[in-house]
Amino acid sequence: MAENKTAKTPADGGAAFPVAHSYLIQPGMSLRDYFAGQAMKALARPGNYFDATARQAYMTADAMLKARDR
């Protein structure tokens, strides 16, 4: 995966929704964060612990990013 200077880390997939204007550059959230947020919706169940669900969501996001590189 190519390094993205606007992303938090090289392995986070880069910016999910970057916004660039002549006076403002906002990198937006990372693609990894976006994937994890989407995974949270599928993983959230009554009685689940939030920290465990969040960890699982980021593991899912990491797997999704890895699959993109294949």
PDB file of N, CA and C in Angstrom:
ATOM      1  N   MET A   1       0.852  -1.179   0.000  1.00  0.00           N
ATOM      2  CA  MET A   1       0.000   0.000   0.000  1.00  0.00           C
ATOM      3  C   MET A   1       0.891   1.234   0.000  1.00  0.00           C
ATOM      4  N   ALA A   2       0.559   2.174  -0.838  1.00  0.00           N
ATOM      5  CA  ALA A   2       1.349   3.401  -0.928  1.00  0.00           C
ATOM      6  C   ALA A   2       1.114   4.277   0.290  1.00  0.00           C
ATOM      7  N   GLU A   3       2.169   4.944   0.706  1.00  0.00           N
ATOM      8  CA  GLU A   3       2.053   5.840   1.861  1.00  0.00           C
ATOM      9  C   GLU A   3       1.249   7.076   1.488  1.00  0.00           C
ATOM     10  N   ASN A   4       0.375   7.472   2.375  1.00  0.00           N
ATOM     11  CA  ASN A   4      -0.446   8.671   2.180  1.00  0.00           C
ATOM     12  C   ASN A   4      -0.039   9.684   3.239  1.00  0.00           C
ATOM     13  N   LYS A   5       0.463  10.827   2.823  1.00  0.00           N
ATOM     14  CA  LYS A   5       0.966  11.828   3.767  1.00  0.00           C
ATOM     15  C   LYS A   5      -0.140  12.445   4.612  1.00  0.00           C
ATOM     16  N   THR A   6      -1.395  12.434   4.145  1.00  0.00           N
ATOM     17  CA  THR A   6      -2.488  13.039   4.906  1.00  0.00           C
ATOM     18  C   THR A   6      -3.109  12.062   5.894  1.00  0.00           C
ATOM     19  N   ALA A   7      -2.813  10.788   5.776  1.00  0.00           N
ATOM     20  CA  ALA A   7      -3.394   9.784   6.663  1.00  0.00           C
ATOM     21  C   ALA A   7      -2.586   9.679   7.946  1.00  0.00           C
ATOM     22  N   LYS A   8      -3.218   9.105   8.976  1.00  0.00           N
ATOM     23  CA  LYS A   8      -2.562   8.962  10.274  1.00  0.00           C
ATOM     24  C   LYS A   8      -1.368   8.025  10.191  1.00  0.00           C
ATOM     25  N   THR A   9      -1.508   6.906   9.510  1.00  0.00           N
ATOM     26  CA  THR A   9      -0.425   5.949   9.336  1.00  0.00           C
ATOM     27  C   THR A   9      -0.463   5.451   7.902  1.00  0.00           C
ATOM     28  N   PRO A  10       0.637   4.936   7.391  1.00  0.00           N
ATOM     29  CA  PRO A  10       0.628   4.426   6.016  1.00  0.00           C
ATOM     30  C   PRO A  10      -0.354   3.281   5.813  1.00  0.00           C
ATOM     31  N   ALA A  11      -0.654   2.511   6.845  1.00  0.00           N
ATOM     32  CA  ALA A  11      -1.483   1.318   6.712  1.00  0.00           C
ATOM     33  C   ALA A  11      -2.960   1.566   6.984  1.00  0.00           C
ATOM     34  N   ASP A  12      -3.397   2.809   7.055  1.00  0.00           N
ATOM     35  CA  ASP A  12      -4.804   3.042   7.391  1.00  0.00           C
ATOM     36  C   ASP A  12      -5.691   3.251   6.175  1.00  0.00           C
ATOM     37  N   GLY A  13      -5.149   3.071   4.986  1.00  0.00           N
ATOM     38  CA  GLY A  13      -5.949   3.175   3.778  1.00  0.00           C
ATOM     39  C   GLY A  13      -6.063   4.570   3.205  1.00  0.00           C
ATOM     40  N   GLY A  14      -5.500   5.553   3.861  1.00  0.00           N
ATOM     41  CA  GLY A  14      -5.610   6.924   3.377  1.00  0.00           C
ATOM     42  C   GLY A  14      -6.916   7.562   3.814  1.00  0.00           C
ATOM     43  N   ALA A  15      -7.171   8.737   3.306  1.00  0.00           N
ATOM     44  CA  ALA A  15      -8.363   9.487   3.688  1.00  0.00           C
ATOM     45  C   ALA A  15      -9.601   8.903   3.017  1.00  0.00           C
ATOM     46  N   ALA A  16     -10.682   8.755   3.787  1.00  0.00           N
ATOM     47  CA  ALA A  16     -11.924   8.209   3.249  1.00  0.00           C
ATOM     48  C   ALA A  16     -12.701   9.279   2.492  1.00  0.00           C
ATOM     49  N   PHE A  17     -12.796  10.466   3.038  1.00  0.00           N
ATOM     50  CA  PHE A  17     -13.579  11.543   2.435  1.00  0.00           C
ATOM     51  C   PHE A  17     -12.792  12.848   2.465  1.00  0.00           C
ATOM     52  N   PRO A  18     -11.698  12.937   1.712  1.00  0.00           N
ATOM     53  CA  PRO A  18     -10.913  14.165   1.741  1.00  0.00           C
ATOM     54  C   PRO A  18     -11.670  15.331   1.110  1.00  0.00           C
ATOM     55  N   VAL A  19     -11.413  16.497   1.620  1.00  0.00           N
ATOM     56  CA  VAL A  19     -12.015  17.721   1.091  1.00  0.00           C
ATOM     57  C   VAL A  19     -10.881  18.688   0.814  1.00  0.00           C
ATOM     58  N   ALA A  20     -10.830  19.189  -0.402  1.00  0.00           N
ATOM     59  CA  ALA A  20      -9.781  20.153  -0.751  1.00  0.00           C
ATOM     60  C   ALA A  20     -10.412  21.375  -1.400  1.00  0.00           C
ATOM     61  N   HIS A  21     -10.189  22.511  -0.805  1.00  0.00           N
ATOM     62  CA  HIS A  21     -10.587  23.802  -1.356  1.00  0.00           C
ATOM     63  C   HIS A  21      -9.303  24.601  -1.543  1.00  0.00           C
ATOM     64  N   SER A  22      -9.384  25.696  -2.230  1.00  0.00           N
ATOM     65  CA  SER A  22      -8.193  26.499  -2.444  1.00  0.00           C
ATOM     66  C   SER A  22      -7.634  27.057  -1.139  1.00  0.00           C
ATOM     67  N   TYR A  23      -8.467  27.170  -0.124  1.00  0.00           N
ATOM     68  CA  TYR A  23      -8.041  27.744   1.150  1.00  0.00           C
ATOM     69  C   TYR A  23      -7.988  26.731   2.290  1.00  0.00           C
ATOM     70  N   LEU A  24      -8.441  25.518   2.057  1.00  0.00           N
ATOM     71  CA  LEU A  24      -8.549  24.547   3.144  1.00  0.00           C
ATOM     72  C   LEU A  24      -8.331  23.135   2.618  1.00  0.00           C
ATOM     73  N   ILE A  25      -7.544  22.369   3.321  1.00  0.00           N
ATOM     74  CA  ILE A  25      -7.386  20.948   2.998  1.00  0.00           C
ATOM     75  C   ILE A  25      -7.708  20.148   4.254  1.00  0.00           C
ATOM     76  N   GLN A  26      -8.741  19.347   4.195  1.00  0.00           N
ATOM     77  CA  GLN A  26      -9.143  18.478   5.295  1.00  0.00           C
ATOM     78  C   GLN A  26      -8.986  17.041   4.825  1.00  0.00           C
ATOM     79  N   PRO A  27      -8.109  16.265   5.459  1.00  0.00           N
ATOM     80  CA  PRO A  27      -7.930  14.887   5.004  1.00  0.00           C
ATOM     81  C   PRO A  27      -9.125  13.991   5.319  1.00  0.00           C
ATOM     82  N   GLY A  28      -9.977  14.385   6.244  1.00  0.00           N
ATOM     83  CA  GLY A  28     -11.105  13.537   6.620  1.00  0.00           C
ATOM     84  C   GLY A  28     -10.649  12.359   7.457  1.00  0.00           C
ATOM     85  N   MET A  29     -11.572  11.483   7.744  1.00  0.00           N
ATOM     86  CA  MET A  29     -11.215  10.293   8.535  1.00  0.00           C
ATOM     87  C   MET A  29     -10.469   9.313   7.650  1.00  0.00           C
ATOM     88  N   SER A  30      -9.751   8.401   8.285  1.00  0.00           N
ATOM     89  CA  SER A  30      -9.039   7.397   7.502  1.00  0.00           C
ATOM     90  C   SER A  30     -10.034   6.350   7.007  1.00  0.00           C
ATOM     91  N   LEU A  31      -9.650   5.676   5.945  1.00  0.00           N
ATOM     92  CA  LEU A  31     -10.491   4.607   5.418  1.00  0.00           C
ATOM     93  C   LEU A  31     -10.637   3.499   6.455  1.00  0.00           C
ATOM     94  N   ARG A  32      -9.589   3.269   7.241  1.00  0.00           N
ATOM     95  CA  ARG A  32      -9.650   2.264   8.311  1.00  0.00           C
ATOM     96  C   ARG A  32     -10.717   2.638   9.341  1.00  0.00           C
ATOM     97  N   ASP A  33     -10.762   3.907   9.735  1.00  0.00           N
ATOM     98  CA  ASP A  33     -11.784   4.358  10.679  1.00  0.00           C
ATOM     99  C   ASP A  33     -13.186   4.204  10.092  1.00  0.00           C
ATOM    100  N   TYR A  34     -13.337   4.527   8.816  1.00  0.00           N
ATOM    101  CA  TYR A  34     -14.637   4.394   8.163  1.00  0.00           C
ATOM    102  C   TYR A  34     -15.074   2.927   8.132  1.00  0.00           C
ATOM    103  N   PHE A  35     -14.159   2.042   7.710  1.00  0.00           N
ATOM    104  CA  PHE A  35     -14.485   0.615   7.689  1.00  0.00           C
ATOM    105  C   PHE A  35     -14.862   0.117   9.081  1.00  0.00           C
ATOM    106  N   ALA A  36     -14.109   0.541  10.101  1.00  0.00           N
ATOM    107  CA  ALA A  36     -14.405   0.104  11.471  1.00  0.00           C
ATOM    108  C   ALA A  36     -15.782   0.598  11.911  1.00  0.00           C
ATOM    109  N   GLY A  37     -16.127   1.821  11.558  1.00  0.00           N
ATOM    110  CA  GLY A  37     -17.446   2.346  11.905  1.00  0.00           C
ATOM    111  C   GLY A  37     -18.560   1.562  11.248  1.00  0.00           C
ATOM    112  N   GLN A  38     -18.347   1.180   9.993  1.00  0.00           N
ATOM    113  CA  GLN A  38     -19.345   0.374   9.299  1.00  0.00           C
ATOM    114  C   GLN A  38     -19.449  -1.020   9.925  1.00  0.00           C
ATOM    115  N   ALA A  39     -18.307  -1.590  10.309  1.00  0.00           N
ATOM    116  CA  ALA A  39     -18.308  -2.910  10.945  1.00  0.00           C
ATOM    117  C   ALA A  39     -19.006  -2.861  12.301  1.00  0.00           C
ATOM    118  N   MET A  40     -18.863  -1.737  13.015  1.00  0.00           N
ATOM    119  CA  MET A  40     -19.516  -1.606  14.330  1.00  0.00           C
ATOM    120  C   MET A  40     -21.026  -1.796  14.209  1.00  0.00           C
ATOM    121  N   LYS A  41     -21.606  -1.292  13.139  1.00  0.00           N
ATOM    122  CA  LYS A  41     -23.053  -1.427  12.954  1.00  0.00           C
ATOM    123  C   LYS A  41     -23.451  -2.895  12.844  1.00  0.00           C
ATOM    124  N   ALA A  42     -22.633  -3.691  12.191  1.00  0.00           N
ATOM    125  CA  ALA A  42     -22.937  -5.112  12.029  1.00  0.00           C
ATOM    126  C   ALA A  42     -22.624  -5.914  13.292  1.00  0.00           C
ATOM    127  N   LEU A  43     -21.643  -5.475  14.060  1.00  0.00           N
ATOM    128  CA  LEU A  43     -21.190  -6.227  15.225  1.00  0.00           C
ATOM    129  C   LEU A  43     -21.939  -5.884  16.510  1.00  0.00           C
ATOM    130  N   ALA A  44     -22.542  -4.718  16.559  1.00  0.00           N
ATOM    131  CA  ALA A  44     -23.190  -4.256  17.794  1.00  0.00           C
ATOM    132  C   ALA A  44     -24.392  -5.144  18.128  1.00  0.00           C
ATOM    133  N   ARG A  45     -24.395  -5.652  19.330  1.00  0.00           N
ATOM    134  CA  ARG A  45     -25.482  -6.483  19.835  1.00  0.00           C
ATOM    135  C   ARG A  45     -25.758  -6.080  21.269  1.00  0.00           C
ATOM    136  N   PRO A  46     -27.008  -6.170  21.706  1.00  0.00           N
ATOM    137  CA  PRO A  46     -27.303  -5.874  23.117  1.00  0.00           C
ATOM    138  C   PRO A  46     -26.469  -6.776  24.032  1.00  0.00           C
ATOM    139  N   GLY A  47     -25.882  -6.184  25.035  1.00  0.00           N
ATOM    140  CA  GLY A  47     -25.076  -6.945  25.987  1.00  0.00           C
ATOM    141  C   GLY A  47     -23.606  -7.038  25.639  1.00  0.00           C
ATOM    142  N   ASN A  48     -23.225  -6.644  24.414  1.00  0.00           N
ATOM    143  CA  ASN A  48     -21.811  -6.666  24.041  1.00  0.00           C
ATOM    144  C   ASN A  48     -21.083  -5.539  24.764  1.00  0.00           C
ATOM    145  N   TYR A  49     -19.851  -5.797  25.118  1.00  0.00           N
ATOM    146  CA  TYR A  49     -19.018  -4.754  25.699  1.00  0.00           C
ATOM    147  C   TYR A  49     -18.478  -3.881  24.583  1.00  0.00           C
ATOM    148  N   PHE A  50     -18.576  -2.573  24.752  1.00  0.00           N
ATOM    149  CA  PHE A  50     -18.168  -1.644  23.705  1.00  0.00           C
ATOM    150  C   PHE A  50     -16.707  -1.787  23.334  1.00  0.00           C
ATOM    151  N   ASP A  51     -15.822  -1.971  24.310  1.00  0.00           N
ATOM    152  CA  ASP A  51     -14.402  -2.052  23.979  1.00  0.00           C
ATOM    153  C   ASP A  51     -14.087  -3.305  23.176  1.00  0.00           C
ATOM    154  N   ALA A  52     -14.716  -4.412  23.495  1.00  0.00           N
ATOM    155  CA  ALA A  52     -14.491  -5.646  22.742  1.00  0.00           C
ATOM    156  C   ALA A  52     -15.053  -5.512  21.325  1.00  0.00           C
ATOM    157  N   THR A  53     -16.213  -4.898  21.203  1.00  0.00           N
ATOM    158  CA  THR A  53     -16.814  -4.696  19.887  1.00  0.00           C
ATOM    159  C   THR A  53     -15.951  -3.759  19.043  1.00  0.00           C
ATOM    160  N   ALA A  54     -15.419  -2.717  19.656  1.00  0.00           N
ATOM    161  CA  ALA A  54     -14.559  -1.778  18.928  1.00  0.00           C
ATOM    162  C   ALA A  54     -13.287  -2.471  18.448  1.00  0.00           C
ATOM    163  N   ARG A  55     -12.683  -3.286  19.306  1.00  0.00           N
ATOM    164  CA  ARG A  55     -11.472  -4.017  18.891  1.00  0.00           C
ATOM    165  C   ARG A  55     -11.796  -4.938  17.716  1.00  0.00           C
ATOM    166  N   GLN A  56     -12.925  -5.632  17.793  1.00  0.00           N
ATOM    167  CA  GLN A  56     -13.319  -6.530  16.723  1.00  0.00           C
ATOM    168  C   GLN A  56     -13.597  -5.749  15.433  1.00  0.00           C
ATOM    169  N   ALA A  57     -14.186  -4.574  15.564  1.00  0.00           N
ATOM    170  CA  ALA A  57     -14.461  -3.750  14.384  1.00  0.00           C
ATOM    171  C   ALA A  57     -13.165  -3.330  13.698  1.00  0.00           C
ATOM    172  N   TYR A  58     -12.149  -2.955  14.473  1.00  0.00           N
ATOM    173  CA  TYR A  58     -10.869  -2.567  13.863  1.00  0.00           C
ATOM    174  C   TYR A  58     -10.144  -3.778  13.280  1.00  0.00           C
ATOM    175  N   MET A  59     -10.304  -4.949  13.873  1.00  0.00           N
ATOM    176  CA  MET A  59      -9.721  -6.159  13.278  1.00  0.00           C
ATOM    177  C   MET A  59     -10.398  -6.438  11.934  1.00  0.00           C
ATOM    178  N   THR A  60     -11.716  -6.221  11.865  1.00  0.00           N
ATOM    179  CA  THR A  60     -12.446  -6.382  10.614  1.00  0.00           C
ATOM    180  C   THR A  60     -11.972  -5.361   9.592  1.00  0.00           C
ATOM    181  N   ALA A  61     -11.803  -4.106  10.009  1.00  0.00           N
ATOM    182  CA  ALA A  61     -11.326  -3.054   9.108  1.00  0.00           C
ATOM    183  C   ALA A  61      -9.934  -3.386   8.579  1.00  0.00           C
ATOM    184  N   ASP A  62      -9.060  -3.885   9.447  1.00  0.00           N
ATOM    185  CA  ASP A  62      -7.712  -4.261   9.011  1.00  0.00           C
ATOM    186  C   ASP A  62      -7.773  -5.378   7.968  1.00  0.00           C
ATOM    187  N   ALA A  63      -8.675  -6.340   8.174  1.00  0.00           N
ATOM    188  CA  ALA A  63      -8.838  -7.427   7.203  1.00  0.00           C
ATOM    189  C   ALA A  63      -9.368  -6.894   5.870  1.00  0.00           C
ATOM    190  N   MET A  64     -10.264  -5.916   5.936  1.00  0.00           N
ATOM    191  CA  MET A  64     -10.797  -5.325   4.711  1.00  0.00           C
ATOM    192  C   MET A  64      -9.698  -4.587   3.944  1.00  0.00           C
ATOM    193  N   LEU A  65      -8.851  -3.856   4.652  1.00  0.00           N
ATOM    194  CA  LEU A  65      -7.743  -3.145   3.998  1.00  0.00           C
ATOM    195  C   LEU A  65      -6.757  -4.135   3.385  1.00  0.00           C
ATOM    196  N   LYS A  66      -6.500  -5.230   4.095  1.00  0.00           N
ATOM    197  CA  LYS A  66      -5.584  -6.245   3.582  1.00  0.00           C
ATOM    198  C   LYS A  66      -6.149  -6.878   2.314  1.00  0.00           C
ATOM    199  N   ALA A  67      -7.459  -7.118   2.303  1.00  0.00           N
ATOM    200  CA  ALA A  67      -8.097  -7.709   1.131  1.00  0.00           C
ATOM    201  C   ALA A  67      -8.016  -6.790  -0.082  1.00  0.00           C
ATOM    202  N   ARG A  68      -8.015  -5.480   0.142  1.00  0.00           N
ATOM    203  CA  ARG A  68      -7.907  -4.517  -0.961  1.00  0.00           C
ATOM    204  C   ARG A  68      -6.553  -4.609  -1.654  1.00  0.00           C
ATOM    205  N   ASP A  69      -5.520  -5.006  -0.913  1.00  0.00           N
ATOM    206  CA  ASP A  69      -4.165  -5.082  -1.469  1.00  0.00           C
ATOM    207  C   ASP A  69      -3.918  -6.338  -2.307  1.00  0.00           C
ATOM    208  N   ARG A  70      -4.832  -7.267  -2.267  1.00  0.00           N
ATOM    209  CA  ARG A  70      -4.628  -8.526  -2.998  1.00  0.00           C
ATOM    210  C   ARG A  70      -4.925  -8.356  -4.448  1.00  0.00           C
TER     211      ARG A  70
END
